[in-house]
């Protein structure tokens, strides 16, 4: 039998990625539910489908497959939700980076309508899954507010809101006084904006842990601390070999590693830019302040290109995030720009203690769209959610599962495309540094 080895060298890239972001000060880790007791893969086995990656996409895919009787094995390099799925802001926002009119222009009316319908329902995918499997993750569906800091962005957000309202979204425009009252932010910070009531929030790590538990209850086999280091062709099957030397064989593999993608599949890592996002959180706010800030627990992000996003959690802590430093570090000084954003948004919180701080990576693509690849028979890859990951990865994972079990290409929400490395990818940190300065200027004017 002839084996085709796609990654013959077992490198240290996986291990280095696992220690890149210190999570000792993460609010989500500090308030996580009990982690499911998961084994390490220590003996070879067979499955119908192998999922590499235990984040939202991989776990949602595994859950959907297992719930329909498919024998699925998940290989996670660390623990479920270790990557972006356990580090994000927990904002569940439907849609994509592009508005419906832009999608129509990019893809044409027929394809765009399918993409728009899919993107519109991504928050539904999360909240329906939470309800169906009784996932304890503080799920709240009170909407997303997007604030516009200048007249140009106000026109953009108004056009965005009108497009979604015309398509039946439960949304409304907000003027300056209304958005200030709803958020409890500094007067004049936003000229106006809109609220999309399809959106909401979850405790992101608890959502990932809940997906893992639900998948196991449905019959999936989930292994942690079992990093995939090599993929080989094995007759009609594929074999995934882990760092322990054990392996899983199956006719189908789903690669769901997103921003934590390494060299497992050729050229995949160089097709995305791993941007860093950093967050801080307060202790539970005093009752008087809590009654003035996001009383209805909406989530918020502004319309800047270098945006800030914020919310309160179930205990009344304020969480705010934005761009992180390259490379990600954990010193207090590396979060001062997030503190400044917090105090500019909520002057009443100036000097507040910030006991929690953490960072993580998100996968950015050149076209700001998620990418689907099938570079060989039996291999399906999805990555690049560009900051909308909670809803998108859940819905894409479910769609891939339906595609595999039904052998139905129509189940996929986006066209399958070749893997296209970004030119001069080794300079991606320079790209980001230049883009940050450029976007700062654009946001000013």
Protein backbone atom coordinates (compact mmCIF):
# COMPACT_ATOMS: atom_id res chain seq x y z
CA UNK A 1 0.00 0.00 0.00
CA UNK A 2 1.43 3.39 -0.99
CA UNK A 3 1.11 6.28 1.47
CA UNK A 4 1.06 9.88 0.33
CA UNK A 5 2.54 11.91 3.19
CA UNK A 6 1.38 15.52 3.09
CA UNK A 7 3.42 16.70 6.05
CA UNK A 8 6.40 14.39 6.43
CA UNK A 9 8.13 16.47 9.11
CA UNK A 10 6.59 16.62 12.55
CA UNK A 11 7.34 20.21 13.49
CA UNK A 12 7.07 22.17 16.72
CA UNK A 13 4.60 24.66 15.24
CA UNK A 14 1.62 23.12 16.97
CA UNK A 15 3.24 23.24 20.39
CA UNK A 16 4.40 26.83 19.91
CA UNK A 17 0.90 27.93 19.03
CA UNK A 18 -0.49 26.41 22.21
CA UNK A 19 1.70 28.55 24.43
CA UNK A 20 1.57 31.76 22.41
CA UNK A 21 -1.33 33.28 24.34
CA UNK A 22 -1.29 33.21 28.13
CA UNK A 23 -4.85 32.75 29.43
CA UNK A 24 -4.13 32.99 33.16
CA UNK A 25 -6.03 36.29 33.34
CA UNK A 26 -8.93 35.30 31.06
CA UNK A 27 -12.40 36.04 32.42
CA UNK A 28 -13.82 33.17 30.42
CA UNK A 29 -11.34 30.68 31.83
CA UNK A 30 -11.91 31.98 35.36
CA UNK A 31 -15.68 31.53 35.06
CA UNK A 32 -15.77 28.36 32.93
CA UNK A 33 -18.00 25.40 33.66
CA UNK A 34 -16.37 22.08 34.48
CA UNK A 35 -14.40 20.81 31.51
CA UNK A 36 -15.57 17.43 30.19
CA UNK A 37 -13.19 14.62 31.14
CA UNK A 38 -11.69 13.84 27.76
CA UNK A 39 -9.11 11.21 26.84
CA UNK A 40 -5.91 11.57 24.88
CA UNK A 41 -5.79 9.46 21.72
CA UNK A 42 -3.41 6.66 22.68
CA UNK A 43 -4.52 3.90 20.32
CA UNK A 44 -5.32 3.84 16.64
CA UNK A 45 -8.97 3.74 15.58
CA UNK A 46 -11.30 4.20 12.62
CA UNK A 47 -14.20 6.58 12.00
CA UNK A 48 -16.50 7.79 9.25
CA UNK A 49 -15.28 11.37 9.61
CA UNK A 50 -12.25 12.90 11.35
CA UNK A 51 -12.56 16.50 12.55
CA UNK A 52 -9.28 18.26 13.31
CA UNK A 53 -9.89 21.16 15.68
CA UNK A 54 -12.09 21.41 18.78
CA UNK A 55 -13.41 24.93 18.35
CA UNK A 56 -16.94 25.97 17.38
CA UNK A 57 -16.65 24.90 13.76
CA UNK A 58 -15.22 21.46 14.46
CA UNK A 59 -17.50 20.76 17.41
CA UNK A 60 -20.65 22.03 15.67
CA UNK A 61 -19.78 19.83 12.70
CA UNK A 62 -19.15 16.81 14.94
CA UNK A 63 -22.37 17.39 16.89
CA UNK A 64 -24.43 17.60 13.71
CA UNK A 65 -22.83 14.45 12.31
CA UNK A 66 -23.13 12.45 15.52
CA UNK A 67 -26.77 13.46 15.98
CA UNK A 68 -27.48 11.73 12.65
CA UNK A 69 -25.60 8.56 13.56
CA UNK A 70 -22.30 9.29 11.83
CA UNK A 71 -19.20 7.90 13.58
CA UNK A 72 -17.06 11.02 14.07
CA UNK A 73 -13.75 11.53 15.87
CA UNK A 74 -12.52 14.98 16.95
CA UNK A 75 -8.81 15.62 17.48
CA UNK A 76 -8.06 18.74 19.53
CA UNK A 77 -4.48 19.86 20.09
CA UNK A 78 -5.21 21.32 23.53
CA UNK A 79 -8.69 21.39 25.08
CA UNK A 80 -12.08 22.28 23.55
CA UNK A 81 -12.32 26.02 23.03
CA UNK A 82 -8.60 26.61 23.60
CA UNK A 83 -8.26 28.90 20.58
CA UNK A 84 -10.49 31.72 19.42
CA UNK A 85 -13.62 29.86 20.51
CA UNK A 86 -12.65 30.32 24.16
CA UNK A 87 -11.14 33.79 23.85
CA UNK A 88 -13.57 35.89 21.81
CA UNK A 89 -16.03 38.45 23.14
CA UNK A 90 -19.01 36.12 22.98
CA UNK A 91 -20.91 38.41 20.62
CA UNK A 92 -23.27 36.44 18.38
CA UNK A 93 -23.86 38.71 15.37
CA UNK A 94 -25.45 37.60 12.09
CA UNK A 95 -24.20 38.71 8.71
CA UNK A 96 -20.82 39.10 7.07
CA UNK A 97 -18.37 41.96 6.60
CA UNK A 98 -20.30 42.83 3.43
CA UNK A 99 -23.86 44.15 3.33
CA UNK A 100 -26.52 42.56 1.08
CA UNK A 101 -26.05 45.09 -1.75
CA UNK A 102 -22.28 44.51 -1.74
CA UNK A 103 -22.74 40.75 -1.80
CA UNK A 104 -25.07 41.07 -4.77
CA UNK A 105 -22.48 43.15 -6.59
CA UNK A 106 -19.70 40.68 -5.77
CA UNK A 107 -21.45 37.38 -6.49
CA UNK A 108 -24.46 38.16 -8.66
CA UNK A 109 -28.14 37.97 -7.59
CA UNK A 110 -28.60 34.18 -7.53
CA UNK A 111 -25.51 33.23 -5.52
CA UNK A 112 -25.75 36.32 -3.34
CA UNK A 113 -29.28 35.48 -2.23
CA UNK A 114 -28.12 32.11 -0.91
CA UNK A 115 -25.19 33.72 0.90
CA UNK A 116 -27.39 36.46 2.37
CA UNK A 117 -29.97 33.97 3.61
CA UNK A 118 -27.26 31.86 5.21
CA UNK A 119 -25.51 34.84 6.83
CA UNK A 120 -28.80 36.19 8.14
CA UNK A 121 -29.46 32.96 10.05
CA UNK A 122 -26.06 32.40 11.69
CA UNK A 123 -27.18 33.75 15.07
CA UNK A 124 -30.21 31.42 14.86
CA UNK A 125 -27.79 28.51 14.46
CA UNK A 126 -26.16 29.36 17.80
CA UNK A 127 -29.27 30.04 19.85
CA UNK A 128 -31.17 27.08 18.38
CA UNK A 129 -28.24 24.79 19.25
CA UNK A 130 -28.04 26.20 22.77
CA UNK A 131 -31.76 25.58 23.29
CA UNK A 132 -31.82 22.13 21.67
CA UNK A 133 -28.97 20.76 23.78
CA UNK A 134 -29.56 22.86 26.91
CA UNK A 135 -26.05 24.34 26.81
CA UNK A 136 -25.36 26.39 29.94
CA UNK A 137 -23.52 29.41 28.54
CA UNK A 138 -25.48 32.49 29.75
CA UNK A 139 -27.11 32.89 26.34
CA UNK A 140 -28.88 36.25 26.00
CA UNK A 141 -30.53 37.51 22.82
CA UNK A 142 -31.06 41.23 23.29
CA UNK A 143 -29.47 42.51 20.10
CA UNK A 144 -26.33 44.13 18.72
CA UNK A 145 -25.82 47.89 18.61
CA UNK A 146 -23.44 49.38 16.06
CA UNK A 147 -22.46 52.96 16.79
CA UNK A 148 -21.25 55.49 14.22
CA UNK A 149 -18.64 57.97 15.43
CA UNK A 150 -18.83 60.38 12.47
CA UNK A 151 -21.19 61.42 9.70
CA UNK A 152 -19.58 59.18 7.09
CA UNK A 153 -19.98 56.09 9.24
CA UNK A 154 -23.49 57.16 10.19
CA UNK A 155 -24.49 57.10 6.52
CA UNK A 156 -22.91 53.66 6.18
CA UNK A 157 -24.70 52.21 9.20
CA UNK A 158 -28.02 53.71 8.12
CA UNK A 159 -27.70 52.11 4.67
CA UNK A 160 -26.76 48.81 6.32
CA UNK A 161 -29.73 48.91 8.64
CA UNK A 162 -32.16 49.77 5.87
CA UNK A 163 -30.94 46.89 3.72
CA UNK A 164 -31.48 44.37 6.52
CA UNK A 165 -34.81 45.89 7.57
CA UNK A 166 -35.99 45.60 3.96
CA UNK A 167 -35.19 41.88 4.20
CA UNK A 168 -37.30 41.44 7.31
CA UNK A 169 -34.64 41.74 10.02
CA UNK A 170 -35.85 42.86 13.44
CA UNK A 171 -33.77 46.02 13.47
CA UNK A 172 -34.15 49.78 13.83
CA UNK A 173 -32.21 52.98 13.34
CA UNK A 174 -31.00 54.91 16.39
CA UNK A 175 -30.26 58.62 16.61
CA UNK A 176 -27.55 60.07 18.84
CA UNK A 177 -29.62 60.54 22.02
CA UNK A 178 -31.26 57.11 21.67
CA UNK A 179 -27.99 55.23 21.23
CA UNK A 180 -26.39 57.13 24.10
CA UNK A 181 -29.29 56.27 26.39
CA UNK A 182 -29.34 52.63 25.35
CA UNK A 183 -25.60 52.14 25.88
CA UNK A 184 -25.03 54.53 28.78
CA UNK A 185 -21.91 55.87 27.05
CA UNK A 186 -20.37 59.33 26.90
CA UNK A 187 -22.73 61.89 25.29
CA UNK A 188 -21.69 62.70 21.73
CA UNK A 189 -19.53 59.59 21.35
CA UNK A 190 -21.83 58.29 18.62
CA UNK A 191 -23.80 60.32 16.08
CA UNK A 192 -26.26 57.46 15.82
CA UNK A 193 -26.35 53.87 14.60
CA UNK A 194 -28.68 50.91 14.62
CA UNK A 195 -29.70 47.87 16.62
CA UNK A 196 -30.05 44.39 15.15
CA UNK A 197 -32.21 42.38 17.52
CA UNK A 198 -31.32 39.06 15.88
CA UNK A 199 -28.00 39.16 17.73
CA UNK A 200 -27.00 38.36 21.28
CA UNK A 201 -24.24 36.93 23.45
CA UNK A 202 -22.92 33.77 25.07
CA UNK A 203 -20.15 32.88 27.49
CA UNK A 204 -17.83 31.81 24.66
CA UNK A 205 -15.80 29.16 26.44
CA UNK A 206 -18.84 27.61 28.08
CA UNK A 207 -20.52 27.48 24.68
CA UNK A 208 -17.53 25.53 23.30
CA UNK A 209 -17.50 23.19 26.30
CA UNK A 210 -21.25 22.69 25.89
CA UNK A 211 -20.85 21.80 22.23
CA UNK A 212 -18.21 19.24 23.18
CA UNK A 213 -20.42 17.68 25.85
CA UNK A 214 -23.42 17.58 23.51
CA UNK A 215 -21.35 15.97 20.74
CA UNK A 216 -20.13 13.29 23.16
CA UNK A 217 -23.67 12.63 24.36
CA UNK A 218 -24.68 12.11 20.73
CA UNK A 219 -21.91 9.56 20.23
CA UNK A 220 -18.94 11.59 18.97
CA UNK A 221 -15.45 10.65 20.17
CA UNK A 222 -13.58 13.78 21.29
CA UNK A 223 -9.88 13.60 22.17
CA UNK A 224 -7.89 16.42 23.74
CA UNK A 225 -4.12 17.02 23.90
CA UNK A 226 -4.02 15.05 20.64
CA UNK A 227 -2.47 17.39 18.09
CA UNK A 228 -2.64 16.20 14.48
CA UNK A 229 0.88 16.29 13.07
CA UNK A 230 0.58 14.44 9.77
CA UNK A 231 -2.01 13.39 7.20
CA UNK A 232 -1.39 10.37 4.98
CA UNK A 233 -3.32 8.75 2.19
CA UNK A 234 -4.12 5.16 3.18
CA UNK A 235 -5.76 3.37 0.26
CA UNK A 236 -9.28 4.77 0.02
CA UNK A 237 -9.02 6.32 3.47
CA UNK A 238 -7.05 9.13 5.04
CA UNK A 239 -5.00 8.61 8.18
CA UNK A 240 -4.37 11.41 10.68
CA UNK A 241 -1.40 10.78 12.96
CA UNK A 242 -1.14 12.58 16.30
CA UNK A 243 1.83 13.76 18.33
CA UNK A 244 1.57 10.61 20.47
CA UNK A 245 1.94 8.41 17.39
CA UNK A 246 -1.64 7.09 17.47
CA UNK A 247 -3.80 7.57 14.41
CA UNK A 248 -7.36 7.74 13.14
CA UNK A 249 -8.42 6.55 9.68
CA UNK A 250 -11.53 7.68 7.82
CA UNK A 251 -12.70 8.43 4.28
CA UNK A 252 -13.46 12.05 5.20
CA UNK A 253 -11.49 14.72 7.08
CA UNK A 254 -12.68 18.18 8.13
CA UNK A 255 -9.90 20.64 8.95
CA UNK A 256 -11.28 23.24 11.37
CA UNK A 257 -8.20 24.95 12.77
CA UNK A 258 -8.95 28.51 11.58
CA UNK A 259 -6.55 31.11 13.06
CA UNK A 260 -4.50 28.37 14.73
CA UNK A 261 -3.77 26.62 11.43
CA UNK A 262 -0.23 25.24 11.13
CA UNK A 263 1.59 23.26 8.44
CA UNK A 264 -0.72 20.23 8.54
CA UNK A 265 -2.01 20.87 5.02
CA UNK A 266 0.24 22.45 2.39
CA UNK A 267 -0.07 26.22 1.92
CA UNK A 268 -3.15 26.52 4.14
CA UNK A 269 -1.46 28.52 6.89
CA UNK A 270 -0.27 31.11 4.36
CA UNK A 271 -3.80 31.70 3.00
CA UNK A 272 -4.88 33.66 6.10
CA UNK A 273 -3.50 36.41 8.30
CA UNK A 274 -3.75 35.63 12.03
CA UNK A 275 -4.69 38.96 13.62
CA UNK A 276 -4.63 39.43 17.39
CA UNK A 277 -7.56 40.73 19.42
CA UNK A 278 -7.20 41.71 23.09
CA UNK A 279 -9.80 42.16 25.81
CA UNK A 280 -10.08 43.37 29.38
CA UNK A 281 -12.87 43.00 31.92
CA UNK A 282 -13.87 44.69 35.15
CA UNK A 283 -15.16 43.16 38.34
CA UNK A 284 -18.99 43.18 38.61
CA UNK A 285 -20.05 46.81 38.42
CA UNK A 286 -21.72 48.47 41.43
CA UNK A 287 -25.51 48.46 41.22
CA UNK A 288 -25.77 52.18 40.46
CA UNK A 289 -23.35 52.00 37.53
CA UNK A 290 -24.80 48.73 36.31
CA UNK A 291 -28.23 50.36 36.08
CA UNK A 292 -26.85 52.95 33.66
CA UNK A 293 -24.69 50.83 31.34
CA UNK A 294 -26.26 48.45 28.80
CA UNK A 295 -29.30 47.84 30.99
CA UNK A 296 -30.77 45.34 28.51
CA UNK A 297 -27.44 43.51 27.97
CA UNK A 298 -27.07 44.23 24.28
CA UNK A 299 -23.67 43.74 22.69
CA UNK A 300 -21.96 46.69 21.01
CA UNK A 301 -19.28 47.37 18.44
CA UNK A 302 -18.54 50.64 16.72
CA UNK A 303 -18.25 51.27 13.01
CA UNK A 304 -14.57 52.16 13.04
CA UNK A 305 -12.17 50.19 10.92
CA UNK A 306 -10.14 49.63 14.09
CA UNK A 307 -13.25 48.87 16.05
CA UNK A 308 -13.89 48.38 19.74
CA UNK A 309 -16.49 45.92 20.95
CA UNK A 310 -18.01 45.59 24.39
CA UNK A 311 -20.76 44.07 26.49
CA UNK A 312 -21.63 43.11 30.06
CA UNK A 313 -21.67 39.51 31.22
CA UNK A 314 -24.22 37.71 33.39
CA UNK A 315 -22.54 38.93 36.59
CA UNK A 316 -22.44 42.57 35.46
CA UNK A 317 -18.77 42.77 34.44
CA UNK A 318 -17.96 45.08 31.56
CA UNK A 319 -15.85 43.45 28.84
CA UNK A 320 -14.22 45.52 26.10
CA UNK A 321 -11.88 44.48 23.33
CA UNK A 322 -10.05 45.69 20.27
CA UNK A 323 -6.90 45.14 18.25
CA UNK A 324 -4.06 43.39 20.01
CA UNK A 325 -0.33 43.89 19.76
CA UNK A 326 1.84 41.85 17.38
CA UNK A 327 3.03 39.47 18.61
CA UNK A 328 0.52 38.97 21.39
CA UNK A 329 1.92 39.72 24.82
CA UNK A 330 0.43 39.70 28.29
CA UNK A 331 1.98 42.65 30.14
CA UNK A 332 -0.40 45.22 31.61
CA UNK A 333 1.15 47.92 29.39
CA UNK A 334 0.04 46.03 26.28
CA UNK A 335 -3.60 46.58 27.21
CA UNK A 336 -3.43 50.31 27.92
CA UNK A 337 -5.01 51.19 24.57
CA UNK A 338 -8.02 49.04 25.53
CA UNK A 339 -8.26 50.81 28.91
CA UNK A 340 -8.19 54.17 27.13
CA UNK A 341 -11.04 53.06 24.88
CA UNK A 342 -13.04 51.90 27.91
CA UNK A 343 -12.58 55.23 29.73
CA UNK A 344 -13.40 57.26 26.61
CA UNK A 345 -16.59 55.25 26.15
CA UNK A 346 -17.58 55.19 29.82
CA UNK A 347 -15.92 58.13 31.64
CA UNK A 348 -17.68 57.07 34.84
CA UNK A 349 -15.39 53.99 34.87
CA UNK A 350 -12.12 55.98 34.76
CA UNK A 351 -9.57 54.25 36.95
CA UNK A 352 -11.66 51.10 37.40
CA UNK A 353 -9.81 47.91 38.28
CA UNK A 354 -9.30 45.52 35.37
CA UNK A 355 -8.47 42.14 36.91
CA UNK A 356 -8.93 40.25 33.63
CA UNK A 357 -6.95 40.60 30.40
CA UNK A 358 -6.36 38.13 27.59
CA UNK A 359 -5.70 37.86 23.87
CA UNK A 360 -6.31 35.47 21.03
CA UNK A 361 -6.13 35.16 17.28
CA UNK A 362 -8.72 35.51 14.55
CA UNK A 363 -8.28 34.47 10.94
CA UNK A 364 -8.46 37.24 8.35
CA UNK A 365 -8.72 36.60 4.61
CA UNK A 366 -7.79 38.87 1.73
CA UNK A 367 -11.38 39.19 0.57
CA UNK A 368 -12.94 39.34 4.06
CA UNK A 369 -15.02 36.24 3.25
CA UNK A 370 -14.91 32.77 4.83
CA UNK A 371 -13.07 30.28 2.65
CA UNK A 372 -14.11 26.71 1.84
CA UNK A 373 -11.59 24.35 0.25
CA UNK A 374 -11.67 20.74 -0.92
CA UNK A 375 -8.09 20.30 -2.15
CA UNK A 376 -8.33 16.51 -2.42
CA UNK A 377 -11.16 13.95 -2.42
CA UNK A 378 -12.33 13.48 1.15
CA UNK A 379 -10.75 16.69 2.52
CA UNK A 380 -12.95 19.66 3.49
CA UNK A 381 -11.49 22.84 4.97
CA UNK A 382 -13.18 25.98 6.30
CA UNK A 383 -11.50 29.02 7.80
CA UNK A 384 -11.41 32.80 7.86
CA UNK A 385 -14.44 34.28 9.62
CA UNK A 386 -12.91 37.77 9.95
CA UNK A 387 -14.29 38.57 13.39
CA UNK A 388 -17.82 37.15 13.02
CA UNK A 389 -16.83 33.71 14.18
CA UNK A 390 -19.36 32.65 16.81
CA UNK A 391 -22.34 32.49 14.49
CA UNK A 392 -20.49 31.82 11.26
CA UNK A 393 -18.38 28.92 12.51
CA UNK A 394 -21.38 27.26 14.14
CA UNK A 395 -23.46 27.53 10.98
CA UNK A 396 -20.61 26.56 8.63
CA UNK A 397 -19.78 23.53 10.77
CA UNK A 398 -23.38 22.37 10.60
CA UNK A 399 -23.50 22.98 6.84
CA UNK A 400 -20.32 20.95 6.26
CA UNK A 401 -21.81 18.11 8.31
CA UNK A 402 -24.95 18.13 6.17
CA UNK A 403 -22.84 18.24 3.02
CA UNK A 404 -20.85 15.18 4.10
CA UNK A 405 -23.68 13.03 5.38
CA UNK A 406 -26.02 13.83 2.46
CA UNK A 407 -23.30 14.04 -0.21
CA UNK A 408 -24.93 17.32 -1.19
CA UNK A 409 -22.80 20.17 -2.45
CA UNK A 410 -25.79 22.51 -2.24
CA UNK A 411 -25.56 22.33 1.56
CA UNK A 412 -22.37 24.38 1.47
CA UNK A 413 -23.04 28.10 1.95
CA UNK A 414 -20.08 29.37 -0.10
CA UNK A 415 -18.35 28.24 -3.26
CA UNK A 416 -15.43 25.87 -2.87
CA UNK A 417 -12.24 27.63 -3.96
CA UNK A 418 -8.57 26.67 -4.36
CA UNK A 419 -6.16 27.45 -1.53
CA UNK A 420 -4.46 30.72 -2.50
CA UNK A 421 -1.46 31.72 -0.37
CA UNK A 422 -1.12 35.41 0.39
CA UNK A 423 1.92 36.83 -1.42
CA UNK A 424 4.89 37.53 0.87
CA UNK A 425 3.00 35.95 3.75
CA UNK A 426 6.08 36.05 5.98
CA UNK A 427 5.62 39.82 6.09
CA UNK A 428 2.06 39.60 7.45
CA UNK A 429 3.00 41.34 10.70
CA UNK A 430 4.30 44.24 8.65
CA UNK A 431 1.04 44.24 6.65
CA UNK A 432 -0.91 44.50 9.89
CA UNK A 433 1.27 47.28 11.31
CA UNK A 434 0.88 49.34 8.14
CA UNK A 435 -2.86 48.64 7.98
CA UNK A 436 -3.33 49.73 11.60
CA UNK A 437 -1.74 53.10 10.92
CA UNK A 438 -3.72 53.53 7.70
CA UNK A 439 -7.02 52.66 9.39
CA UNK A 440 -6.28 55.05 12.25
CA UNK A 441 -6.11 57.87 9.72
CA UNK A 442 -9.24 56.67 7.91
CA UNK A 443 -11.15 56.51 11.20
CA UNK A 444 -10.21 60.10 11.96
CA UNK A 445 -11.44 61.45 8.64
